[in-house]
Protein backbone atom coordinates (compact mmCIF):
# COMPACT_ATOMS: atom_id res chain seq x y z
CA MET A 1 72.81 18.91 126.45
CA ARG A 2 70.75 22.21 126.50
CA ASP A 3 73.61 24.02 127.86
CA LYS A 4 76.59 23.22 125.67
CA THR A 5 74.60 23.85 122.35
CA GLY A 6 73.42 27.56 121.39
CA ASP A 7 71.81 28.52 118.32
CA VAL A 8 71.17 26.40 115.43
CA LEU A 9 71.47 28.73 111.78
CA VAL A 10 69.66 26.99 108.98
CA LEU A 11 70.88 27.50 105.75
CA GLY A 12 67.89 26.50 103.48
CA ASP A 13 68.93 23.52 101.67
CA ARG A 14 72.19 23.72 101.93
CA GLY A 15 72.55 22.09 105.73
CA ALA A 16 73.15 24.09 108.84
CA GLN A 17 75.52 25.54 111.08
CA VAL A 18 75.26 24.87 115.25
CA ILE A 19 77.00 26.89 117.90
CA VAL A 20 78.60 24.91 120.48
CA ALA A 21 80.98 24.65 123.43
CA ALA A 22 84.30 23.88 122.36
CA ASP A 23 84.90 20.89 124.54
CA ILE A 24 82.06 18.66 122.26
CA ALA A 25 82.89 20.10 119.15
CA GLU A 26 85.21 17.02 117.90
CA PHE A 27 83.04 14.77 119.84
CA LEU A 28 80.18 15.35 117.04
CA GLU A 29 82.44 16.01 114.55
CA LEU A 30 83.63 12.27 115.04
CA SER A 31 80.25 10.91 115.86
CA LEU A 32 77.61 12.89 114.54
CA VAL A 33 76.83 11.24 110.98
CA GLN A 34 72.74 11.39 110.91
CA VAL A 35 69.42 13.42 111.97
CA ARG A 36 66.59 11.33 111.91
CA SER A 37 67.01 9.40 108.30
CA VAL A 38 69.35 12.19 106.65
CA PRO A 39 72.96 11.20 106.79
CA VAL A 40 75.06 14.49 107.29
CA LYS A 41 78.52 15.53 107.61
CA THR A 42 80.14 17.72 110.45
CA ARG A 43 83.24 19.55 110.82
CA ALA A 44 84.39 22.49 112.95
CA ILE A 45 84.87 25.76 111.31
CA ASP A 46 85.99 29.22 112.01
CA ALA A 47 83.43 31.73 114.24
CA SER A 48 84.51 34.32 111.03
CA GLU A 49 82.66 31.95 108.78
CA LEU A 50 79.67 32.08 110.20
CA LYS A 51 76.46 33.01 107.90
CA VAL A 52 74.91 34.87 110.37
CA GLN A 53 71.07 37.19 108.95
CA PRO A 54 70.62 39.92 110.80
CA PRO A 55 67.35 39.12 112.41
CA LYS A 56 63.91 40.94 111.00
CA VAL A 57 62.84 43.88 112.92
CA LYS A 58 59.05 45.23 114.05
CA GLU A 59 59.08 48.86 116.06
CA MET A 60 55.86 49.28 117.75
CA THR A 61 54.84 51.62 120.60
CA THR A 62 52.26 50.53 123.25
CA VAL A 63 49.90 51.86 125.87
CA GLU A 64 49.80 49.46 129.28
CA ALA A 65 48.14 50.19 132.68
CA SER A 66 50.87 48.59 134.02
CA MET A 67 54.83 47.28 133.16
CA ARG A 68 53.61 43.76 134.37
CA LEU A 69 55.50 41.16 131.71
CA ASP A 70 52.13 39.81 131.29
CA ALA A 71 50.61 42.82 130.03
CA VAL A 72 53.63 44.27 128.13
CA ALA A 73 55.47 40.82 126.33
CA SER A 74 51.50 40.26 125.00
CA ALA A 75 51.35 43.63 123.65
CA GLY A 76 54.94 43.01 121.70
CA PHE A 77 54.18 39.55 120.77
CA GLY A 78 50.70 40.15 119.30
CA MET A 79 49.01 37.67 121.84
CA SER A 80 46.44 37.50 124.71
CA ARG A 81 47.24 38.23 127.70
CA SER A 82 46.24 34.51 128.76
CA LYS A 83 47.86 32.96 126.25
CA MET A 84 51.08 35.14 127.66
CA ALA A 85 50.02 33.96 131.41
CA GLY A 86 50.32 30.61 129.90
CA LEU A 87 53.63 30.49 128.42
CA ILE A 88 55.08 32.81 131.38
CA SER A 89 53.99 29.79 133.75
CA SER A 90 55.24 26.79 131.88
CA GLY A 91 58.68 28.51 131.38
CA ASP A 92 58.90 29.30 127.76
CA VAL A 93 59.72 33.02 128.77
CA ARG A 94 63.00 34.81 129.85
CA VAL A 95 64.02 38.01 130.61
CA ASN A 96 67.46 38.95 130.63
CA TRP A 97 68.25 35.43 129.86
CA LYS A 98 66.78 34.51 133.63
CA GLU A 99 63.96 32.29 133.55
CA ILE A 100 60.44 34.14 135.14
CA SER A 101 57.39 32.23 136.08
CA GLN A 102 55.49 34.76 137.76
CA SER A 103 53.20 37.29 135.05
CA SER A 104 53.42 40.18 137.46
CA TYR A 105 57.35 40.53 137.07
CA SER A 106 57.71 44.19 136.46
CA VAL A 107 59.55 44.84 133.25
CA LYS A 108 61.49 48.22 132.61
CA ALA A 109 63.18 49.86 130.23
CA GLY A 110 66.43 47.99 128.68
CA ASP A 111 65.09 44.66 129.49
CA LEU A 112 65.43 41.92 126.98
CA VAL A 113 62.41 39.37 126.92
CA ALA A 114 62.35 36.17 124.95
CA ILE A 115 59.65 33.55 124.40
CA ARG A 116 61.13 30.03 122.99
CA GLY A 117 60.06 29.43 119.26
CA LYS A 118 58.70 33.01 119.16
CA GLY A 119 61.61 35.52 118.87
CA ARG A 120 63.03 38.09 121.20
CA LEU A 121 60.94 41.81 122.58
CA GLU A 122 63.66 44.40 123.89
CA ILE A 123 61.64 47.02 126.25
CA GLY A 124 62.69 50.39 124.77
CA GLU A 125 62.29 54.37 126.26
CA VAL A 126 59.30 54.23 128.84
CA ASN A 127 57.17 57.48 129.30
CA ILE A 128 54.13 58.52 131.44
CA THR A 129 51.13 59.31 130.04
CA LYS A 130 48.74 62.35 131.05
CA LYS A 131 46.23 59.46 132.15
CA ASP A 132 49.08 57.53 134.51
CA ARG A 133 49.62 54.69 132.09
CA TYR A 134 52.62 53.69 130.27
CA ARG A 135 53.69 54.47 127.06
CA VAL A 136 56.30 52.01 126.13
CA GLN A 137 59.02 51.45 122.98
CA LEU A 138 59.41 47.82 121.58
CA THR A 139 61.17 46.15 119.27
CA ARG A 140 60.55 42.83 118.55
CA PHE A 141 63.29 40.58 116.58
CA TYR A 142 62.47 37.79 114.79
């Protein structure tokens, strides 16, 4: 169940750590012995033992005609606006942890845009240019 499991932290050839809800941790510890054809050992650890690596960060600035989700996100993720619109309509895009299915959704400073499998994008400071366009500071995490 997706609402009971969180991030999977891959540790290369040394295994992985999975963040799960407390009520299924014991079940996984007792029941999870194989992933596909690979035998696995499962044990509960304290949150302080998690080996979290800081995300890679890329800061950029873009100038857009509007603050539409498809326009700003396509600039931040480096893809075409039509491809971004397809990801939005298929339910792969979230803004502030809420699934958004309309490309015309208006984003604002402080919003966090996440695309399943592609990373996150934080909308920073927004300024209006002399030509009434939006200069947007973006921080991409991947």
